[in-house]
PDB file of all heavy atoms in Angstrom:
ATOM      1  N   TYR A   1    -176.641  76.100 261.210  1.00  0.00           N
ATOM      2  CA  TYR A   1    -176.340  74.788 261.721  1.00  0.00           C
ATOM      3  C   TYR A   1    -177.591  73.911 261.575  1.00  0.00           C
ATOM      4  O   TYR A   1    -178.711  74.384 261.645  1.00  0.00           O
ATOM      5  CB  TYR A   1    -175.906  74.855 263.179  1.00  0.00           C
ATOM      6  CG  TYR A   1    -174.542  75.492 263.320  1.00  0.00           C
ATOM      7  CD1 TYR A   1    -174.411  76.808 263.727  1.00  0.00           C
ATOM      8  CD2 TYR A   1    -173.401  74.766 263.071  1.00  0.00           C
ATOM      9  CE1 TYR A   1    -173.168  77.411 263.834  1.00  0.00           C
ATOM     10  CE2 TYR A   1    -172.158  75.336 263.159  1.00  0.00           C
ATOM     11  CZ  TYR A   1    -172.035  76.672 263.536  1.00  0.00           C
ATOM     12  OH  TYR A   1    -170.797  77.237 263.627  1.00  0.00           O
ATOM     13  N   CYS A   2    -177.320  72.624 261.357  1.00  0.00           N
ATOM     14  CA  CYS A   2    -178.390  71.611 261.325  1.00  0.00           C
ATOM     15  C   CYS A   2    -178.037  70.529 262.310  1.00  0.00           C
ATOM     16  O   CYS A   2    -176.851  70.162 262.438  1.00  0.00           O
ATOM     17  CB  CYS A   2    -178.513  71.025 259.923  1.00  0.00           C
ATOM     18  SG  CYS A   2    -179.088  72.183 258.687  1.00  0.00           S
ATOM     19  N   MET A   3    -179.048  69.949 262.968  1.00  0.00           N
ATOM     20  CA  MET A   3    -178.803  68.898 263.942  1.00  0.00           C
ATOM     21  C   MET A   3    -179.456  67.598 263.515  1.00  0.00           C
ATOM     22  O   MET A   3    -180.609  67.561 263.147  1.00  0.00           O
ATOM     23  CB  MET A   3    -179.398  69.283 265.310  1.00  0.00           C
ATOM     24  CG  MET A   3    -179.200  68.204 266.337  1.00  0.00           C
ATOM     25  SD  MET A   3    -180.072  68.530 267.866  1.00  0.00           S
ATOM     26  CE  MET A   3    -179.864  66.947 268.687  1.00  0.00           C
ATOM     27  N   ASN A   4    -178.672  66.546 263.567  1.00  0.00           N
ATOM     28  CA  ASN A   4    -179.123  65.206 263.309  1.00  0.00           C
ATOM     29  C   ASN A   4    -178.895  64.374 264.554  1.00  0.00           C
ATOM     30  O   ASN A   4    -177.966  64.650 265.330  1.00  0.00           O
ATOM     31  CB  ASN A   4    -178.337  64.545 262.179  1.00  0.00           C
ATOM     32  CG  ASN A   4    -178.653  65.146 260.831  1.00  0.00           C
ATOM     33  OD1 ASN A   4    -179.370  64.536 260.042  1.00  0.00           O
ATOM     34  ND2 ASN A   4    -178.126  66.315 260.536  1.00  0.00           N
ATOM     35  N   VAL A   5    -179.665  63.318 264.697  1.00  0.00           N
ATOM     36  CA  VAL A   5    -179.513  62.358 265.777  1.00  0.00           C
ATOM     37  C   VAL A   5    -179.008  61.059 265.149  1.00  0.00           C
ATOM     38  O   VAL A   5    -179.675  60.516 264.236  1.00  0.00           O
ATOM     39  CB  VAL A   5    -180.862  62.114 266.492  1.00  0.00           C
ATOM     40  CG1 VAL A   5    -180.738  61.000 267.510  1.00  0.00           C
ATOM     41  CG2 VAL A   5    -181.381  63.378 267.115  1.00  0.00           C
ATOM     42  N   VAL A   6    -177.842  60.585 265.545  1.00  0.00           N
ATOM     43  CA  VAL A   6    -177.259  59.354 264.995  1.00  0.00           C
ATOM     44  C   VAL A   6    -178.059  58.156 265.492  1.00  0.00           C
ATOM     45  O   VAL A   6    -178.392  58.038 266.660  1.00  0.00           O
ATOM     46  CB  VAL A   6    -175.767  59.221 265.366  1.00  0.00           C
ATOM     47  CG1 VAL A   6    -175.195  57.918 264.837  1.00  0.00           C
ATOM     48  CG2 VAL A   6    -174.975  60.404 264.836  1.00  0.00           C
ATOM     49  N   THR A   7    -178.372  57.262 264.537  1.00  0.00           N
ATOM     50  CA  THR A   7    -179.183  56.063 264.856  1.00  0.00           C
ATOM     51  C   THR A   7    -178.489  54.796 264.418  1.00  0.00           C
ATOM     52  O   THR A   7    -177.499  54.836 263.673  1.00  0.00           O
ATOM     53  CB  THR A   7    -180.552  56.153 264.130  1.00  0.00           C
ATOM     54  OG1 THR A   7    -180.332  56.190 262.711  1.00  0.00           O
ATOM     55  CG2 THR A   7    -181.349  57.374 264.544  1.00  0.00           C
ATOM     56  N   GLN A   8    -179.029  53.699 264.831  1.00  0.00           N
ATOM     57  CA  GLN A   8    -178.579  52.332 264.516  1.00  0.00           C
ATOM     58  C   GLN A   8    -177.183  52.070 265.004  1.00  0.00           C
ATOM     59  O   GLN A   8    -176.571  52.882 265.677  1.00  0.00           O
ATOM     60  CB  GLN A   8    -178.768  52.058 263.011  1.00  0.00           C
ATOM     61  CG  GLN A   8    -180.229  52.106 262.638  1.00  0.00           C
ATOM     62  CD  GLN A   8    -180.523  51.526 261.262  1.00  0.00           C
ATOM     63  OE1 GLN A   8    -181.320  52.049 260.535  1.00  0.00           O
ATOM     64  NE2 GLN A   8    -179.907  50.411 260.924  1.00  0.00           N
ATOM     65  N   ALA A   9    -176.687  50.877 264.705  1.00  0.00           N
ATOM     66  CA  ALA A   9    -175.414  50.404 265.215  1.00  0.00           C
ATOM     67  C   ALA A   9    -174.262  51.238 264.715  1.00  0.00           C
ATOM     68  O   ALA A   9    -174.306  51.798 263.606  1.00  0.00           O
ATOM     69  CB  ALA A   9    -175.210  48.937 264.859  1.00  0.00           C
ATOM     70  N   GLU A  10    -173.193  51.305 265.508  1.00  0.00           N
ATOM     71  CA  GLU A  10    -171.968  51.965 265.092  1.00  0.00           C
ATOM     72  C   GLU A  10    -171.518  51.431 263.736  1.00  0.00           C
ATOM     73  O   GLU A  10    -171.550  50.235 263.490  1.00  0.00           O
ATOM     74  CB  GLU A  10    -170.891  51.761 266.148  1.00  0.00           C
ATOM     75  CG  GLU A  10    -169.667  52.588 265.926  1.00  0.00           C
ATOM     76  CD  GLU A  10    -168.740  52.632 267.135  1.00  0.00           C
ATOM     77  OE1 GLU A  10    -169.157  52.215 268.242  1.00  0.00           O
ATOM     78  OE2 GLU A  10    -167.633  53.144 266.957  1.00  0.00           O
ATOM     79  N   GLY A  11    -171.126  52.322 262.828  1.00  0.00           N
ATOM     80  CA  GLY A  11    -170.682  51.939 261.498  1.00  0.00           C
ATOM     81  C   GLY A  11    -171.791  52.003 260.448  1.00  0.00           C
ATOM     82  O   GLY A  11    -171.513  51.987 259.270  1.00  0.00           O
ATOM     83  N   HIS A  12    -173.031  52.088 260.892  1.00  0.00           N
ATOM     84  CA  HIS A  12    -174.157  52.084 259.930  1.00  0.00           C
ATOM     85  C   HIS A  12    -174.330  53.441 259.263  1.00  0.00           C
ATOM     86  O   HIS A  12    -174.764  53.528 258.128  1.00  0.00           O
ATOM     87  CB  HIS A  12    -175.458  51.685 260.645  1.00  0.00           C
ATOM     88  CG  HIS A  12    -176.544  51.297 259.709  1.00  0.00           C
ATOM     89  ND1 HIS A  12    -177.409  52.227 259.158  1.00  0.00           N
ATOM     90  CD2 HIS A  12    -176.867  50.096 259.184  1.00  0.00           C
ATOM     91  CE1 HIS A  12    -178.243  51.586 258.357  1.00  0.00           C
ATOM     92  NE2 HIS A  12    -177.947  50.307 258.350  1.00  0.00           N
ATOM     93  N   ALA A  13    -174.005  54.527 259.949  1.00  0.00           N
ATOM     94  CA  ALA A  13    -173.998  55.914 259.418  1.00  0.00           C
ATOM     95  C   ALA A  13    -175.379  56.408 258.998  1.00  0.00           C
ATOM     96  O   ALA A  13    -175.550  57.039 257.985  1.00  0.00           O
ATOM     97  CB  ALA A  13    -173.021  56.047 258.270  1.00  0.00           C
ATOM     98  N   SER A  14    -176.384  56.162 259.826  1.00  0.00           N
ATOM     99  CA  SER A  14    -177.720  56.679 259.608  1.00  0.00           C
ATOM    100  C   SER A  14    -178.008  57.762 260.632  1.00  0.00           C
ATOM    101  O   SER A  14    -177.431  57.774 261.726  1.00  0.00           O
ATOM    102  CB  SER A  14    -178.764  55.583 259.747  1.00  0.00           C
ATOM    103  OG  SER A  14    -178.618  54.648 258.713  1.00  0.00           O
ATOM    104  N   ALA A  15    -178.948  58.642 260.316  1.00  0.00           N
ATOM    105  CA  ALA A  15    -179.281  59.727 261.233  1.00  0.00           C
ATOM    106  C   ALA A  15    -180.665  60.297 260.919  1.00  0.00           C
ATOM    107  O   ALA A  15    -181.199  60.068 259.842  1.00  0.00           O
ATOM    108  CB  ALA A  15    -178.236  60.842 261.146  1.00  0.00           C
ATOM    109  N   VAL A  16    -181.189  61.038 261.879  1.00  0.00           N
ATOM    110  CA  VAL A  16    -182.468  61.735 261.736  1.00  0.00           C
ATOM    111  C   VAL A  16    -182.234  63.220 261.868  1.00  0.00           C
ATOM    112  O   VAL A  16    -181.698  63.661 262.911  1.00  0.00           O
ATOM    113  CB  VAL A  16    -183.504  61.236 262.773  1.00  0.00           C
ATOM    114  CG1 VAL A  16    -184.807  62.048 262.644  1.00  0.00           C
ATOM    115  CG2 VAL A  16    -183.763  59.756 262.645  1.00  0.00           C
ATOM    116  N   LEU A  17    -182.564  63.967 260.837  1.00  0.00           N
ATOM    117  CA  LEU A  17    -182.478  65.423 260.860  1.00  0.00           C
ATOM    118  C   LEU A  17    -183.680  65.989 261.630  1.00  0.00           C
ATOM    119  O   LEU A  17    -184.824  65.647 261.295  1.00  0.00           O
ATOM    120  CB  LEU A  17    -182.453  65.994 259.433  1.00  0.00           C
ATOM    121  CG  LEU A  17    -182.540  67.509 259.300  1.00  0.00           C
ATOM    122  CD1 LEU A  17    -181.289  68.180 259.842  1.00  0.00           C
ATOM    123  CD2 LEU A  17    -182.794  67.890 257.841  1.00  0.00           C
ATOM    124  N   LEU A  18    -183.442  66.869 262.585  1.00  0.00           N
ATOM    125  CA  LEU A  18    -184.533  67.551 263.280  1.00  0.00           C
ATOM    126  C   LEU A  18    -184.854  68.794 262.462  1.00  0.00           C
ATOM    127  O   LEU A  18    -183.998  69.679 262.291  1.00  0.00           O
ATOM    128  CB  LEU A  18    -184.122  67.915 264.700  1.00  0.00           C
ATOM    129  CG  LEU A  18    -183.682  66.738 265.581  1.00  0.00           C
ATOM    130  CD1 LEU A  18    -183.420  67.234 267.010  1.00  0.00           C
ATOM    131  CD2 LEU A  18    -184.705  65.619 265.571  1.00  0.00           C
ATOM    132  N   ARG A  19    -186.087  68.884 261.936  1.00  0.00           N
ATOM    133  CA  ARG A  19    -186.472  69.998 261.042  1.00  0.00           C
ATOM    134  C   ARG A  19    -187.224  71.133 261.745  1.00  0.00           C
ATOM    135  O   ARG A  19    -187.128  72.265 261.337  1.00  0.00           O
ATOM    136  CB  ARG A  19    -187.326  69.458 259.891  1.00  0.00           C
ATOM    137  CG  ARG A  19    -186.557  68.723 258.832  1.00  0.00           C
ATOM    138  CD  ARG A  19    -187.349  68.675 257.529  1.00  0.00           C
ATOM    139  NE  ARG A  19    -187.724  69.976 257.058  1.00  0.00           N
ATOM    140  CZ  ARG A  19    -186.929  70.805 256.373  1.00  0.00           C
ATOM    141  NH1 ARG A  19    -185.717  70.455 256.044  1.00  0.00           N
ATOM    142  NH2 ARG A  19    -187.382  71.993 256.007  1.00  0.00           N
ATOM    143  N   ALA A  20    -187.981  70.801 262.777  1.00  0.00           N
ATOM    144  CA  ALA A  20    -188.775  71.835 263.444  1.00  0.00           C
ATOM    145  C   ALA A  20    -189.196  71.413 264.845  1.00  0.00           C
ATOM    146  O   ALA A  20    -189.413  70.212 265.097  1.00  0.00           O
ATOM    147  CB  ALA A  20    -190.030  72.193 262.628  1.00  0.00           C
ATOM    148  N   VAL A  21    -189.275  72.398 265.744  1.00  0.00           N
ATOM    149  CA  VAL A  21    -189.804  72.160 267.080  1.00  0.00           C
ATOM    150  C   VAL A  21    -190.854  73.211 267.412  1.00  0.00           C
ATOM    151  O   VAL A  21    -190.843  74.318 266.877  1.00  0.00           O
ATOM    152  CB  VAL A  21    -188.711  72.189 268.180  1.00  0.00           C
ATOM    153  CG1 VAL A  21    -187.664  71.072 267.954  1.00  0.00           C
ATOM    154  CG2 VAL A  21    -188.029  73.553 268.289  1.00  0.00           C
ATOM    155  N   GLU A  22    -191.743  72.784 268.269  1.00  0.00           N
ATOM    156  CA  GLU A  22    -192.739  73.701 268.839  1.00  0.00           C
ATOM    157  C   GLU A  22    -192.178  74.220 270.137  1.00  0.00           C
ATOM    158  O   GLU A  22    -191.765  73.441 270.994  1.00  0.00           O
ATOM    159  CB  GLU A  22    -194.041  72.878 269.078  1.00  0.00           C
ATOM    160  CG  GLU A  22    -195.132  73.622 269.762  1.00  0.00           C
ATOM    161  CD  GLU A  22    -196.363  72.744 269.966  1.00  0.00           C
ATOM    162  OE1 GLU A  22    -196.539  71.750 269.261  1.00  0.00           O
ATOM    163  OE2 GLU A  22    -197.154  73.087 270.884  1.00  0.00           O
ATOM    164  N   PRO A  23    -192.125  75.536 270.342  1.00  0.00           N
ATOM    165  CA  PRO A  23    -191.560  76.104 271.563  1.00  0.00           C
ATOM    166  C   PRO A  23    -192.310  75.631 272.820  1.00  0.00           C
ATOM    167  O   PRO A  23    -193.539  75.666 272.860  1.00  0.00           O
ATOM    168  CB  PRO A  23    -191.751  77.605 271.375  1.00  0.00           C
ATOM    169  CG  PRO A  23    -191.862  77.796 269.907  1.00  0.00           C
ATOM    170  CD  PRO A  23    -192.569  76.566 269.404  1.00  0.00           C
ATOM    171  N   ILE A  24    -191.570  75.180 273.809  1.00  0.00           N
ATOM    172  CA  ILE A  24    -192.137  74.777 275.094  1.00  0.00           C
ATOM    173  C   ILE A  24    -191.632  75.698 276.207  1.00  0.00           C
ATOM    174  O   ILE A  24    -192.411  76.191 277.005  1.00  0.00           O
ATOM    175  CB  ILE A  24    -191.760  73.300 275.426  1.00  0.00           C
ATOM    176  CG1 ILE A  24    -192.311  72.338 274.359  1.00  0.00           C
ATOM    177  CG2 ILE A  24    -192.241  72.930 276.824  1.00  0.00           C
ATOM    178  CD1 ILE A  24    -193.830  72.259 274.277  1.00  0.00           C
ATOM    179  N   LYS A  25    -190.329  75.940 276.232  1.00  0.00           N
ATOM    180  CA  LYS A  25    -189.741  76.751 277.295  1.00  0.00           C
ATOM    181  C   LYS A  25    -188.523  77.520 276.785  1.00  0.00           C
ATOM    182  O   LYS A  25    -187.586  76.918 276.202  1.00  0.00           O
ATOM    183  CB  LYS A  25    -189.316  75.847 278.448  1.00  0.00           C
ATOM    184  CG  LYS A  25    -188.729  76.564 279.664  1.00  0.00           C
ATOM    185  CD  LYS A  25    -188.379  75.595 280.748  1.00  0.00           C
ATOM    186  CE  LYS A  25    -187.764  76.320 281.934  1.00  0.00           C
ATOM    187  NZ  LYS A  25    -187.323  75.353 282.953  1.00  0.00           N
ATOM    188  N   ASN A  26    -188.515  78.837 276.978  1.00  0.00           N
ATOM    189  CA  ASN A  26    -187.377  79.699 276.631  1.00  0.00           C
ATOM    190  C   ASN A  26    -186.965  79.645 275.162  1.00  0.00           C
ATOM    191  O   ASN A  26    -185.805  79.858 274.855  1.00  0.00           O
ATOM    192  CB  ASN A  26    -186.170  79.449 277.531  1.00  0.00           C
ATOM    193  CG  ASN A  26    -186.416  79.834 278.973  1.00  0.00           C
ATOM    194  OD1 ASN A  26    -187.091  80.806 279.256  1.00  0.00           O
ATOM    195  ND2 ASN A  26    -185.903  79.026 279.875  1.00  0.00           N
ATOM    196  N   VAL A  27    -187.879  79.355 274.282  1.00  0.00           N
ATOM    197  CA  VAL A  27    -187.608  79.359 272.858  1.00  0.00           C
ATOM    198  C   VAL A  27    -188.419  80.521 272.282  1.00  0.00           C
ATOM    199  O   VAL A  27    -189.634  80.423 272.106  1.00  0.00           O
ATOM    200  CB  VAL A  27    -188.013  78.028 272.152  1.00  0.00           C
ATOM    201  CG1 VAL A  27    -187.752  78.093 270.664  1.00  0.00           C
ATOM    202  CG2 VAL A  27    -187.232  76.878 272.775  1.00  0.00           C
ATOM    203  N   LYS A  28    -187.758  81.638 272.045  1.00  0.00           N
ATOM    204  CA  LYS A  28    -188.429  82.867 271.623  1.00  0.00           C
ATOM    205  C   LYS A  28    -188.446  83.029 270.101  1.00  0.00           C
ATOM    206  O   LYS A  28    -189.380  83.609 269.562  1.00  0.00           O
ATOM    207  CB  LYS A  28    -187.706  84.074 272.243  1.00  0.00           C
ATOM    208  CG  LYS A  28    -187.523  84.000 273.730  1.00  0.00           C
ATOM    209  CD  LYS A  28    -188.799  84.183 274.505  1.00  0.00           C
ATOM    210  CE  LYS A  28    -188.532  84.247 275.974  1.00  0.00           C
ATOM    211  NZ  LYS A  28    -189.334  83.356 276.771  1.00  0.00           N
TER     212      LYS A  28
END
């Protein structure tokens, strides 16, 4: 699975893909 965050006004169809996170809590 891949997660994107939808951005800009409705109908624009843009998004930001989250590629990596640094573990902070309960990410093993």
